[in-house]
Amino acid sequence: MKTDRGMDMSDGLHEGDMQREGRAPDMPAASLSDALLDAMPQRACLVDAGGRVLKANRGWRELAADRRAASEGLQWYRVLDGASASDAVRLWRRHRHGRQPFSFEAGLADAVGTMRLNLVQAVPASPAGRWCIVLSDIHALLLERQALQEDVRRQRSMLDASVDCIKLIDVDGTLHSMNRSGCLALGLAADETRFGVKWLDLLPHEVRARGRAALALSRHGRHARFPGMSHLPGARPQYWDNLLTPLMDADGTTHAVLCVSREVTRQREAEQRLREASETDALTGLLNRRAFNASLKRTVARARADGGQVGLLMIDLDHFKHVNDMQGHAAGDHLLRVLSRRMAKALPASAFVARLGGDEFAIVLPEVRGDEDVELTADAVLAQVRPPVTCAGQDINGGMSIGCALFPRDADDASALMKCADVALNDLKSRQRGGWRMYGRQMQALAERKAAQLALARRLLDADMLRPCYQPVVSLDDGRVVGLEALVRWPGPDGRRTGSAQAITEAFRDYALAIELADVMHARILADTGLDLLPVAVNAAPAGVPA
């Protein structure tokens, strides 16, 4: 008969069995039974229905001798003592009549008095009424099991001590095990040991697609990483950096996936603060130039892909320098903050406004239908300077000039669009101040002509090529020369004086250049010799007239 532990407890064999085992069929049954008992490495005996030992092998007889107990004729449990003997009697009385096999663990002292754990097994045997009792020394196995359990406990403690969430996932996505931090992060009991749920089902909906893609990579033996988050009821969202590592057999087959999730909430919040600081104007809270340029490029790229239009408004506050000079920078800062809030509230929901620096602002209008939408927004923005703005009891309102351009009609990329809006703004300011102006192609030619004049004036000044050219001022009454007029000239390629002030007209409208031109002409006139002391007239911009 075989027990549930797979041990053959029969006290005899059939003739066919003996022939297959190579034994002589005419061997006496009693001798064969004795031989089988003696061949067993465990201590074993055959007992009758009353528990008395009928036959015992060498190991059992040695045990009985060491313990001064008869090996045959007495109940088998007499080789035990203490609590082990009591357990044996209780179990024997419970199971012997029903002939149900049973087992239990018992402590037996060896020859030197060391207590060793044994497994006692009692199995019904034939003929009817007999039992086979086997004592197996399992002390070494017990020590190995205890050592293994201690290793497992220490490893579990090490995993539970980690602040990282550590999970073992089967290749089919089933959660196999998880440490304490992982349980708490997912809202489970800290000592939870029964899982069996799908790992992806524990993730928020917004990160499941990333988790599914990472798990698929790990199944194929590749490391994967993805950002995640968790949000338990009544708690702030937590953000995680998830690293999935495939666990592979010797043949390279993935049999499980190790997922280590590290909380990066504080790091993410710090990065967010740094990002906002790097993209936000500290004074007004609007986007700064860096963030505006990036946002405009993305907006134009989307419009190009979708076939849409984008409006751009470039804004200058008129006479803002006067506010700073007359009422102080605190008043100027207050004006900038107030107008920033007003402009932001006056815009469509999809639009955004940025402070580019100083008194310069820009507004982007995604998804406009044409000039009309841009013009309506420009009017709404201009209206924000009409309500009074006061600082220290004084009104500090000013005007506002706006240059407008439209993508893709006026430009084919973000940089060119900004240039067109700026050209429209400068064109408006060169003629008047206040209001708005849409970009037109003719403005570009005018802007290029102005830029060329300014560049020429700077080159002439740097090369010290400007010279006065005098022409007499004659009295109509008597024909006398009553003075001279000094004209700005410079040498041409042949060395002769040529050029005209009209070629650098824009330089006289530029405050800094006008002063520099006047200083150069005054110095040249005073340095010229051979002139009579006559009045000399000089054409000059107001900025070049000495105070």
Protein backbone atom coordinates (compact mmCIF):
# COMPACT_ATOMS: atom_id res chain seq x y z
CA MET A 1 0.00 0.00 0.00
CA LYS A 2 1.24 3.53 -0.79
CA THR A 3 0.68 6.53 1.51
CA ASP A 4 0.13 10.08 0.33
CA ARG A 5 3.91 10.54 0.64
CA GLY A 6 4.51 7.81 -1.95
CA MET A 7 6.04 5.27 0.47
CA ASP A 8 5.34 1.56 -0.23
CA MET A 9 4.17 0.04 3.02
CA SER A 10 3.18 -3.48 1.80
CA ASP A 11 4.65 -6.31 3.79
CA GLY A 12 4.79 -8.70 0.83
CA LEU A 13 4.94 -8.97 -2.98
CA HIS A 14 3.06 -11.08 -5.52
CA GLU A 15 4.92 -13.75 -7.38
CA GLY A 16 4.87 -11.76 -10.64
CA ASP A 17 6.28 -8.77 -8.85
CA MET A 18 9.08 -10.84 -7.41
CA GLN A 19 9.98 -12.21 -10.79
CA ARG A 20 10.16 -8.70 -12.27
CA GLU A 21 12.40 -7.66 -9.37
CA GLY A 22 14.71 -10.61 -10.06
CA ARG A 23 13.94 -12.42 -6.80
CA ALA A 24 13.30 -16.15 -6.50
CA PRO A 25 9.57 -16.83 -6.26
CA ASP A 26 10.13 -19.63 -3.77
CA MET A 27 11.71 -17.28 -1.16
CA PRO A 28 9.79 -17.60 2.15
CA ALA A 29 7.40 -14.70 2.73
CA ALA A 30 8.61 -14.15 6.30
CA SER A 31 12.24 -13.92 5.23
CA LEU A 32 11.33 -11.50 2.42
CA SER A 33 9.38 -9.30 4.86
CA ASP A 34 12.33 -9.22 7.27
CA ALA A 35 14.68 -8.38 4.43
CA LEU A 36 12.51 -5.55 3.24
CA LEU A 37 12.28 -4.07 6.72
CA ASP A 38 16.04 -4.27 7.24
CA ALA A 39 16.67 -2.69 3.84
CA MET A 40 14.72 0.44 4.79
CA PRO A 41 16.97 3.37 5.87
CA GLN A 42 14.29 4.50 8.31
CA ARG A 43 13.44 2.84 11.58
CA ALA A 44 10.41 0.62 10.85
CA CYS A 45 8.29 -2.12 12.40
CA LEU A 46 5.13 -4.14 11.80
CA VAL A 47 2.51 -4.05 14.57
CA ASP A 48 -0.77 -5.85 15.19
CA ALA A 49 -4.17 -4.31 15.74
CA GLY A 50 -3.31 -3.69 19.37
CA GLY A 51 -0.17 -1.78 18.44
CA ARG A 52 2.23 -4.50 19.66
CA VAL A 53 5.45 -4.84 17.68
CA LEU A 54 5.53 -8.02 15.65
CA LYS A 55 8.65 -7.41 13.59
CA ALA A 56 11.19 -4.57 13.65
CA ASN A 57 14.15 -3.75 11.45
CA ARG A 58 17.67 -3.08 12.62
CA GLY A 59 17.16 0.65 13.03
CA TRP A 60 14.09 0.20 15.19
CA ARG A 61 15.81 -2.45 17.33
CA GLU A 62 18.81 -0.18 17.92
CA LEU A 63 16.49 2.66 18.90
CA ALA A 64 14.61 0.41 21.32
CA ALA A 65 17.89 -0.82 22.80
CA ASP A 66 19.22 2.73 23.27
CA ARG A 67 16.01 3.71 25.00
CA ARG A 68 15.85 0.46 27.04
CA ALA A 69 12.51 -0.49 25.46
CA ALA A 70 11.66 -3.91 24.15
CA SER A 71 11.64 -3.98 20.36
CA GLU A 72 8.95 -6.65 20.08
CA GLY A 73 5.87 -7.59 22.05
CA LEU A 74 5.15 -4.13 23.42
CA GLN A 75 3.27 -1.21 21.90
CA TRP A 76 5.31 0.62 19.29
CA TYR A 77 4.77 4.07 20.85
CA ARG A 78 6.77 3.02 23.93
CA VAL A 79 9.95 3.96 22.07
CA LEU A 80 8.70 7.54 22.31
CA ASP A 81 8.46 9.63 25.45
CA GLY A 82 6.90 12.73 26.82
CA ALA A 83 4.54 14.71 24.65
CA SER A 84 5.47 12.65 21.57
CA ALA A 85 4.25 9.44 23.24
CA SER A 86 0.99 11.13 24.26
CA ASP A 87 0.41 12.34 20.69
CA ALA A 88 1.10 8.86 19.38
CA VAL A 89 -1.42 7.23 21.74
CA ARG A 90 -4.09 9.79 20.95
CA LEU A 91 -3.67 9.44 17.17
CA TRP A 92 -3.40 5.66 17.33
CA ARG A 93 -6.69 5.33 19.19
CA ARG A 94 -8.38 7.72 16.77
CA HIS A 95 -7.30 6.03 13.54
CA ARG A 96 -6.64 2.34 14.18
CA HIS A 97 -10.23 1.11 13.96
CA GLY A 98 -10.94 3.04 10.77
CA ARG A 99 -7.53 1.97 9.45
CA GLN A 100 -6.77 5.51 8.35
CA PRO A 101 -3.09 6.38 7.84
CA PHE A 102 -1.75 9.20 9.96
CA SER A 103 1.52 10.98 10.66
CA PHE A 104 2.98 13.46 13.15
CA GLU A 105 6.31 14.93 14.17
CA ALA A 106 8.11 13.72 17.27
CA GLY A 107 11.30 14.71 19.02
CA LEU A 108 13.77 11.87 19.79
CA ALA A 109 17.01 12.22 21.64
CA ASP A 110 20.00 10.63 19.93
CA ALA A 111 22.84 8.71 21.62
CA VAL A 112 24.47 11.89 22.96
CA GLY A 113 21.19 13.41 24.13
CA THR A 114 20.63 15.85 21.22
CA MET A 115 16.96 16.20 20.41
CA ARG A 116 16.24 15.47 16.76
CA LEU A 117 12.94 15.79 14.95
CA ASN A 118 11.44 12.67 13.39
CA LEU A 119 8.42 12.11 11.21
CA VAL A 120 6.24 9.26 12.49
CA GLN A 121 4.11 7.59 9.82
CA ALA A 122 1.51 4.88 10.50
CA VAL A 123 0.07 3.06 7.47
CA PRO A 124 -2.32 0.07 7.41
CA ALA A 125 -0.63 -3.07 5.99
CA SER A 126 -1.73 -6.56 4.95
CA PRO A 127 -2.82 -8.97 6.20
CA ALA A 128 -5.74 -7.14 7.77
CA GLY A 129 -5.15 -5.74 11.21
CA ARG A 130 -1.48 -5.06 10.78
CA TRP A 131 0.19 -1.65 10.57
CA CYS A 132 3.56 -0.44 9.40
CA ILE A 133 5.16 2.21 11.61
CA VAL A 134 8.09 4.22 10.18
CA LEU A 135 10.28 6.80 11.95
CA SER A 136 12.15 9.13 9.54
CA ASP A 137 14.82 11.49 10.84
CA ILE A 138 13.88 14.83 9.30
CA HIS A 139 16.02 17.00 11.57
CA ALA A 140 18.42 18.03 8.80
CA LEU A 141 15.51 18.79 6.51
CA LEU A 142 13.91 20.84 9.26
CA LEU A 143 17.07 22.87 9.73
CA GLU A 144 17.27 23.49 5.99
CA ARG A 145 13.61 24.47 5.92
CA GLN A 146 14.08 26.83 8.84
CA ALA A 147 17.15 28.36 7.19
CA LEU A 148 15.21 28.79 3.96
CA GLN A 149 12.30 30.37 5.80
CA GLU A 150 14.69 32.74 7.55
CA ASP A 151 16.25 33.69 4.22
CA VAL A 152 12.81 34.31 2.79
CA ARG A 153 11.86 36.37 5.85
CA ARG A 154 15.00 38.47 5.61
CA GLN A 155 14.53 39.03 1.90
CA ARG A 156 10.92 39.97 2.50
CA SER A 157 11.98 42.36 5.26
CA MET A 158 14.56 43.88 2.93
CA LEU A 159 11.93 44.37 0.22
CA ASP A 160 9.43 45.78 2.71
CA ALA A 161 12.04 48.21 4.03
CA SER A 162 12.43 49.72 0.56
CA VAL A 163 10.49 52.89 -0.19
CA ASP A 164 10.31 51.76 -3.82
CA CYS A 165 7.28 49.73 -4.90
CA ILE A 166 8.59 46.33 -5.98
CA LYS A 167 6.30 43.95 -7.85
CA LEU A 168 6.72 40.55 -9.47
CA ILE A 169 4.48 40.14 -12.50
CA ASP A 170 3.80 36.94 -14.42
CA VAL A 171 4.25 37.05 -18.18
CA ASP A 172 0.47 37.08 -18.61
CA GLY A 173 0.29 40.31 -16.61
CA THR A 174 -0.94 38.76 -13.36
CA LEU A 175 0.45 40.32 -10.19
CA HIS A 176 2.34 37.57 -8.36
CA SER A 177 3.74 39.39 -5.32
CA MET A 178 4.45 42.89 -4.06
CA ASN A 179 6.28 44.53 -1.18
CA ARG A 180 4.74 46.68 1.55
CA SER A 181 5.32 50.01 -0.23
CA GLY A 182 3.60 48.68 -3.33
CA CYS A 183 0.56 47.56 -1.36
CA LEU A 184 0.20 50.93 0.35
CA ALA A 185 0.64 52.83 -2.93
CA LEU A 186 -2.18 50.85 -4.52
CA GLY A 187 -4.48 51.08 -1.52
CA LEU A 188 -4.07 47.43 -0.41
CA ALA A 189 -3.39 46.08 3.07
CA ALA A 190 0.31 46.35 3.97
CA ASP A 191 0.51 42.60 4.71
CA GLU A 192 -1.47 41.50 1.65
CA THR A 193 -0.09 38.25 0.22
CA ARG A 194 -2.88 37.06 -2.07
CA PHE A 195 -2.97 38.85 -5.37
CA GLY A 196 -3.86 37.17 -8.66
CA VAL A 197 -5.25 40.38 -10.20
CA LYS A 198 -4.05 41.88 -13.45
CA TRP A 199 -1.36 44.47 -12.79
CA LEU A 200 -2.67 46.81 -15.49
CA ASP A 201 -6.10 46.87 -13.81
CA LEU A 202 -4.49 48.49 -10.77
CA LEU A 203 -3.14 51.41 -12.84
CA PRO A 204 -5.15 54.59 -13.51
CA HIS A 205 -6.79 54.66 -16.94
CA GLU A 206 -4.58 57.50 -18.17
CA VAL A 207 -1.35 55.48 -17.77
CA ARG A 208 -2.53 51.97 -18.72
CA ALA A 209 -1.55 52.35 -22.36
CA ARG A 210 2.04 53.20 -21.35
CA GLY A 211 2.08 50.31 -18.87
CA ARG A 212 0.75 47.88 -21.50
CA ALA A 213 3.45 48.91 -23.98
CA ALA A 214 6.20 48.56 -21.34
CA LEU A 215 4.96 45.10 -20.29
CA ALA A 216 4.93 43.97 -23.93
CA LEU A 217 8.57 45.02 -24.31
CA SER A 218 9.57 43.18 -21.13
CA ARG A 219 7.86 39.98 -22.30
CA HIS A 220 10.23 40.03 -25.25
CA GLY A 221 13.29 40.35 -23.03
CA ARG A 222 13.74 44.13 -23.20
CA HIS A 223 13.99 46.64 -20.40
CA ALA A 224 11.19 49.21 -20.39
CA ARG A 225 10.45 52.43 -18.55
CA PHE A 226 7.43 54.68 -18.33
CA PRO A 227 6.08 57.49 -16.11
CA GLY A 228 2.99 56.70 -14.07
CA MET A 229 0.76 58.06 -11.35
CA SER A 230 -1.61 56.89 -8.65
CA HIS A 231 -4.43 58.74 -6.97
CA LEU A 232 -6.02 57.28 -3.86
CA PRO A 233 -9.27 58.78 -2.53
CA GLY A 234 -8.62 61.69 -0.21
CA ALA A 235 -4.92 61.89 -1.07
CA ARG A 236 -2.79 63.94 -3.42
CA PRO A 237 -1.74 62.32 -6.70
CA GLN A 238 1.58 60.51 -6.59
CA TYR A 239 3.89 60.25 -9.59
CA TRP A 240 6.15 57.29 -10.31
CA ASP A 241 9.08 56.30 -12.46
CA ASN A 242 8.45 52.64 -13.42
CA LEU A 243 11.30 50.37 -14.54
CA LEU A 244 10.42 46.89 -15.86
CA THR A 245 13.14 44.23 -16.02
CA PRO A 246 12.57 40.82 -17.64
CA LEU A 247 13.54 37.75 -15.56
CA MET A 248 14.77 35.12 -18.01
CA ASP A 249 15.65 31.44 -17.96
CA ALA A 250 18.97 30.11 -19.17
CA ASP A 251 17.55 29.78 -22.67
CA GLY A 252 16.53 33.47 -22.73
CA THR A 253 12.80 32.86 -22.18
CA THR A 254 11.13 35.47 -20.00
CA HIS A 255 9.29 33.77 -17.13
CA ALA A 256 8.42 36.87 -15.08
CA VAL A 257 8.84 40.64 -14.99
CA LEU A 258 10.26 42.66 -12.11
CA CYS A 259 8.70 46.12 -11.83
CA VAL A 260 10.37 48.71 -9.58
CA SER A 261 8.39 51.93 -9.15
CA ARG A 262 10.09 54.90 -7.53
CA GLU A 263 8.03 57.84 -6.33
CA VAL A 264 9.14 61.05 -8.05
CA THR A 265 6.35 63.36 -6.89
CA ARG A 266 8.66 65.87 -5.22
CA GLN A 267 11.12 65.71 -8.07
CA ARG A 268 8.30 66.27 -10.56
CA GLU A 269 6.96 69.20 -8.55
CA ALA A 270 10.44 70.73 -8.36
CA GLU A 271 10.90 70.27 -12.11
CA GLN A 272 7.49 71.84 -12.68
CA ARG A 273 8.45 74.85 -10.55
CA LEU A 274 11.73 75.22 -12.42
CA ARG A 275 9.93 74.89 -15.75
CA GLU A 276 7.40 77.52 -14.77
CA ALA A 277 10.14 79.82 -13.52
CA SER A 278 12.06 79.43 -16.77
CA GLU A 279 8.96 80.07 -18.88
CA THR A 280 7.18 82.76 -16.83
CA ASP A 281 7.81 86.48 -16.62
CA ALA A 282 8.48 87.20 -12.95
CA LEU A 283 6.79 90.61 -12.94
CA THR A 284 3.51 89.87 -14.74
CA GLY A 285 3.14 86.08 -14.50
CA LEU A 286 2.72 85.87 -18.28
CA LEU A 287 4.77 83.68 -20.59
CA ASN A 288 8.26 85.04 -21.19
CA ARG A 289 9.95 85.40 -24.56
CA ARG A 290 11.48 81.90 -24.46
CA ALA A 291 8.17 80.19 -23.73
CA PHE A 292 6.35 82.41 -26.21
CA ASN A 293 8.69 81.52 -29.06
CA ALA A 294 8.26 77.80 -28.37
CA SER A 295 4.46 78.09 -28.08
CA LEU A 296 4.20 80.14 -31.28
CA LYS A 297 6.22 77.55 -33.20
CA ARG A 298 3.96 74.73 -31.98
CA THR A 299 0.82 76.73 -32.82
CA VAL A 300 2.03 77.51 -36.34
CA ALA A 301 3.04 73.87 -36.88
CA ARG A 302 -0.44 72.66 -35.89
CA ALA A 303 -2.09 75.24 -38.12
CA ARG A 304 0.10 74.18 -41.05
CA ALA A 305 -0.85 70.53 -40.51
CA ASP A 306 -4.56 71.33 -40.12
CA GLY A 307 -4.77 73.99 -42.82
CA GLY A 308 -5.72 76.67 -40.26
CA GLN A 309 -4.73 80.29 -39.70
CA VAL A 310 -2.90 81.98 -36.82
CA GLY A 311 -3.10 85.65 -35.86
CA LEU A 312 -0.24 87.46 -34.14
CA LEU A 313 -0.37 90.84 -32.35
CA MET A 314 2.85 92.65 -31.38
CA ILE A 315 2.18 95.35 -28.77
CA ASP A 316 4.12 98.38 -27.48
CA LEU A 317 2.95 100.68 -24.69
CA ASP A 318 3.20 104.27 -25.91
CA HIS A 319 5.36 106.67 -23.86
CA PHE A 320 6.02 104.03 -21.22
CA LYS A 321 9.46 105.52 -20.62
CA HIS A 322 7.80 108.73 -19.49
CA VAL A 323 5.94 106.83 -16.76
CA ASN A 324 9.21 105.37 -15.45
CA ASP A 325 11.03 108.69 -15.69
CA MET A 326 8.33 110.87 -14.19
CA GLN A 327 6.68 108.58 -11.62
CA GLY A 328 9.29 105.94 -10.97
CA HIS A 329 9.80 102.30 -11.88
CA ALA A 330 7.33 101.15 -9.21
CA ALA A 331 4.58 102.97 -11.12
CA GLY A 332 5.79 101.46 -14.40
CA ASP A 333 5.78 97.97 -12.90
CA HIS A 334 2.26 98.51 -11.55
CA LEU A 335 1.05 99.60 -14.99
CA LEU A 336 2.58 96.50 -16.60
CA ARG A 337 0.92 94.16 -14.08
CA VAL A 338 -2.51 95.77 -14.39
CA LEU A 339 -2.49 95.79 -18.20
CA SER A 340 -1.21 92.17 -18.27
CA ARG A 341 -4.18 91.00 -16.20
CA ARG A 342 -6.62 92.99 -18.30
CA MET A 343 -5.26 91.71 -21.61
CA ALA A 344 -5.29 88.09 -20.43
CA LYS A 345 -8.97 88.40 -19.42
CA ALA A 346 -9.95 90.07 -22.71
CA LEU A 347 -8.63 87.27 -24.94
CA PRO A 348 -10.46 84.23 -26.36
CA ALA A 349 -9.96 81.01 -24.41
CA SER A 350 -7.56 79.54 -26.98
CA ALA A 351 -5.33 82.65 -27.18
CA PHE A 352 -2.27 83.39 -25.04
CA VAL A 353 -0.32 86.52 -24.21
CA ALA A 354 3.36 86.95 -23.35
CA ARG A 355 5.61 89.72 -22.16
CA LEU A 356 8.63 89.84 -24.43
CA GLY A 357 10.50 92.39 -22.33
CA GLY A 358 10.18 96.00 -21.20
CA ASP A 359 6.86 97.32 -22.49
CA GLU A 360 6.61 94.80 -25.33
CA PHE A 361 3.86 92.19 -25.41
CA ALA A 362 2.68 89.63 -27.94
CA ILE A 363 -0.63 87.79 -28.38
CA VAL A 364 -1.17 84.61 -30.39
CA LEU A 365 -4.63 83.76 -31.76
CA PRO A 366 -4.93 80.12 -32.88
CA GLU A 367 -7.71 79.06 -35.22
CA VAL A 368 -8.71 82.51 -36.49
CA ARG A 369 -10.96 82.81 -39.55
CA GLY A 370 -9.21 85.85 -41.02
CA ASP A 371 -8.48 89.55 -40.57
CA GLU A 372 -11.78 90.20 -38.84
CA ASP A 373 -10.99 87.98 -35.86
CA VAL A 374 -7.58 89.61 -35.47
CA GLU A 375 -9.04 93.10 -35.71
CA LEU A 376 -11.75 92.35 -33.13
CA THR A 377 -9.12 91.10 -30.69
CA ALA A 378 -6.95 94.17 -31.36
CA ASP A 379 -9.89 96.44 -30.55
CA ALA A 380 -10.60 94.48 -27.37
CA VAL A 381 -6.97 94.79 -26.27
CA LEU A 382 -6.86 98.53 -27.03
CA ALA A 383 -9.92 98.97 -24.84
CA GLN A 384 -7.93 97.79 -21.82
CA VAL A 385 -5.94 101.04 -21.62
CA ARG A 386 -9.06 103.21 -21.35
CA PRO A 387 -10.10 102.43 -17.74
CA PRO A 388 -7.95 104.44 -15.31
CA VAL A 389 -4.82 102.94 -13.82
CA THR A 390 -3.63 104.77 -10.71
CA CYS A 391 -0.53 104.51 -8.57
CA ALA A 392 -0.03 106.56 -5.42
CA GLY A 393 -3.11 108.58 -6.33
CA GLN A 394 -1.88 109.49 -9.83
CA ASP A 395 -3.19 108.31 -13.18
CA ILE A 396 -0.54 106.43 -15.13
CA ASN A 397 -2.54 105.38 -18.16
CA GLY A 398 -0.81 105.44 -21.50
CA GLY A 399 -1.49 104.47 -25.06
CA MET A 400 -0.93 101.24 -26.94
CA SER A 401 0.25 100.49 -30.49
CA ILE A 402 -0.39 97.10 -32.10
CA GLY A 403 1.06 95.49 -35.21
CA CYS A 404 -0.87 92.53 -36.63
CA ALA A 405 0.00 89.70 -39.04
CA LEU A 406 -1.69 86.51 -40.24
CA PHE A 407 -0.28 83.05 -40.94
CA PRO A 408 -0.03 81.74 -43.65
CA ARG A 409 -1.08 84.76 -45.69
CA ASP A 410 1.74 87.04 -44.52
CA ALA A 411 4.43 84.51 -43.54
CA ASP A 412 5.13 80.80 -43.80
CA ASP A 413 6.77 80.21 -40.39
CA ALA A 414 6.75 81.58 -36.85
CA SER A 415 9.90 83.69 -37.20
CA ALA A 416 8.68 85.41 -40.36
CA LEU A 417 5.25 85.96 -38.78
CA MET A 418 6.85 87.81 -35.85
CA LYS A 419 8.86 89.90 -38.29
CA CYS A 420 5.73 90.86 -40.24
CA ALA A 421 3.83 91.88 -37.10
CA ASP A 422 6.84 93.89 -35.97
CA VAL A 423 7.03 95.64 -39.35
CA ALA A 424 3.35 96.59 -39.06
CA LEU A 425 3.96 97.92 -35.54
CA ASN A 426 6.94 100.03 -36.62
CA ASP A 427 5.03 101.34 -39.60
CA LEU A 428 2.23 102.46 -37.28
CA LYS A 429 4.63 104.12 -34.85
CA SER A 430 6.50 105.94 -37.62
CA ARG A 431 3.30 107.68 -38.69
CA GLN A 432 1.39 107.98 -35.45
CA ARG A 433 1.02 106.33 -32.08
CA GLY A 434 -1.96 104.40 -30.81
CA GLY A 435 -4.28 101.97 -32.58
CA TRP A 436 -3.50 98.88 -34.63
CA ARG A 437 -2.29 98.14 -38.13
CA MET A 438 -2.44 94.97 -40.24
CA TYR A 439 0.67 93.98 -42.11
CA GLY A 440 0.83 94.79 -45.82
CA ARG A 441 3.43 93.83 -48.41
CA GLN A 442 4.31 97.49 -49.10
CA MET A 443 5.37 97.89 -45.47
CA GLN A 444 8.17 95.41 -45.97
CA ALA A 445 9.79 97.48 -48.72
CA LEU A 446 9.54 100.61 -46.57
CA ALA A 447 11.02 98.80 -43.57
CA GLU A 448 13.90 97.50 -45.66
CA ARG A 449 14.58 101.01 -47.00
CA LYS A 450 14.64 102.42 -43.45
CA ALA A 451 16.93 99.65 -42.27
CA ALA A 452 19.29 100.30 -45.19
CA GLN A 453 19.47 104.03 -44.35
CA LEU A 454 20.25 103.34 -40.70
CA ALA A 455 22.92 100.84 -41.67
CA LEU A 456 24.52 103.32 -44.10
CA ALA A 457 24.60 106.08 -41.46
CA ARG A 458 26.32 103.77 -38.97
CA ARG A 459 28.93 102.71 -41.56
CA LEU A 460 29.69 106.36 -42.43
CA LEU A 461 30.09 107.26 -38.77
CA ASP A 462 32.28 104.24 -38.03
CA ALA A 463 34.52 105.05 -41.02
CA ASP A 464 34.64 108.79 -40.16
CA MET A 465 33.57 109.65 -43.71
CA LEU A 466 31.06 112.43 -43.05
CA ARG A 467 32.16 115.90 -44.15
CA PRO A 468 30.43 119.32 -44.26
CA CYS A 469 29.92 120.81 -47.70
CA TYR A 470 29.33 124.59 -47.59
CA GLN A 471 27.15 126.72 -49.79
CA PRO A 472 26.84 130.50 -49.42
CA VAL A 473 23.81 132.30 -48.12
CA VAL A 474 23.48 135.50 -50.22
CA SER A 475 21.54 138.65 -49.31
CA LEU A 476 18.96 139.45 -51.92
CA ASP A 477 19.32 143.16 -51.17
CA ASP A 478 22.96 143.71 -52.07
CA GLY A 479 24.29 140.33 -53.12
CA ARG A 480 26.63 140.01 -50.15
CA VAL A 481 27.48 136.61 -48.62
CA VAL A 482 25.96 136.82 -45.20
CA GLY A 483 26.47 133.23 -44.07
CA LEU A 484 27.06 129.60 -44.97
CA GLU A 485 24.93 126.47 -44.94
CA ALA A 486 26.71 123.22 -44.09
CA LEU A 487 25.39 120.16 -45.90
CA VAL A 488 26.21 116.57 -44.97
CA ARG A 489 28.26 114.82 -47.64
CA TRP A 490 30.66 111.89 -47.90
CA PRO A 491 33.15 110.80 -50.56
CA GLY A 492 32.06 108.46 -53.31
CA PRO A 493 34.11 105.66 -54.91
CA ASP A 494 36.06 108.21 -57.03
CA GLY A 495 36.99 110.28 -54.00
CA ARG A 496 34.73 113.17 -54.82
CA ARG A 497 32.18 114.29 -52.28
CA THR A 498 28.80 112.89 -53.01
CA GLY A 499 25.79 111.58 -51.18
CA SER A 500 22.91 113.47 -49.69
CA ALA A 501 21.22 113.71 -46.30
CA GLN A 502 18.14 112.24 -47.94
CA ALA A 503 20.03 108.93 -48.21
CA ILE A 504 20.20 108.75 -44.40
CA THR A 505 16.92 110.45 -43.50
CA GLU A 506 16.00 107.69 -41.03
CA ALA A 507 19.20 108.35 -39.10
CA PHE A 508 17.88 111.78 -38.13
CA ARG A 509 14.75 110.12 -36.70
CA ASP A 510 16.86 107.82 -34.55
CA TYR A 511 17.62 109.62 -31.29
CA ALA A 512 21.10 108.21 -30.72
CA LEU A 513 22.20 108.48 -34.34
CA ALA A 514 20.86 112.04 -34.68
CA ILE A 515 22.94 113.20 -31.71
CA GLU A 516 26.06 111.48 -33.05
CA LEU A 517 25.58 113.01 -36.52
CA ALA A 518 25.18 116.49 -35.02
CA ASP A 519 28.31 116.10 -32.87
CA VAL A 520 30.38 115.02 -35.89
CA MET A 521 29.17 117.94 -38.04
CA HIS A 522 29.78 120.51 -35.30
CA ALA A 523 33.31 119.27 -34.76
CA ARG A 524 34.09 119.33 -38.49
CA ILE A 525 32.76 122.84 -38.96
CA LEU A 526 34.82 124.19 -36.06
CA ALA A 527 37.91 122.42 -37.33
CA ASP A 528 37.66 123.87 -40.84
CA THR A 529 40.05 126.82 -41.46
CA GLY A 530 40.09 129.66 -43.99
CA LEU A 531 36.51 130.61 -43.29
CA ASP A 532 35.49 134.08 -42.38
CA LEU A 533 33.61 134.39 -39.16
CA LEU A 534 30.22 134.11 -40.73
CA PRO A 535 27.10 132.41 -39.40
CA VAL A 536 26.92 128.75 -40.39
CA ALA A 537 23.53 127.01 -40.64
CA VAL A 538 23.28 123.24 -40.12
CA ASN A 539 20.29 121.04 -40.92
CA ALA A 540 19.70 118.97 -37.79
CA ALA A 541 17.10 116.86 -36.06
CA PRO A 542 15.67 118.22 -32.82
CA ALA A 543 17.75 115.69 -30.85
CA GLY A 544 20.92 117.24 -32.34
CA VAL A 545 20.20 120.79 -31.20
CA PRO A 546 22.27 121.63 -28.07
CA ALA A 547 20.22 122.50 -25.04
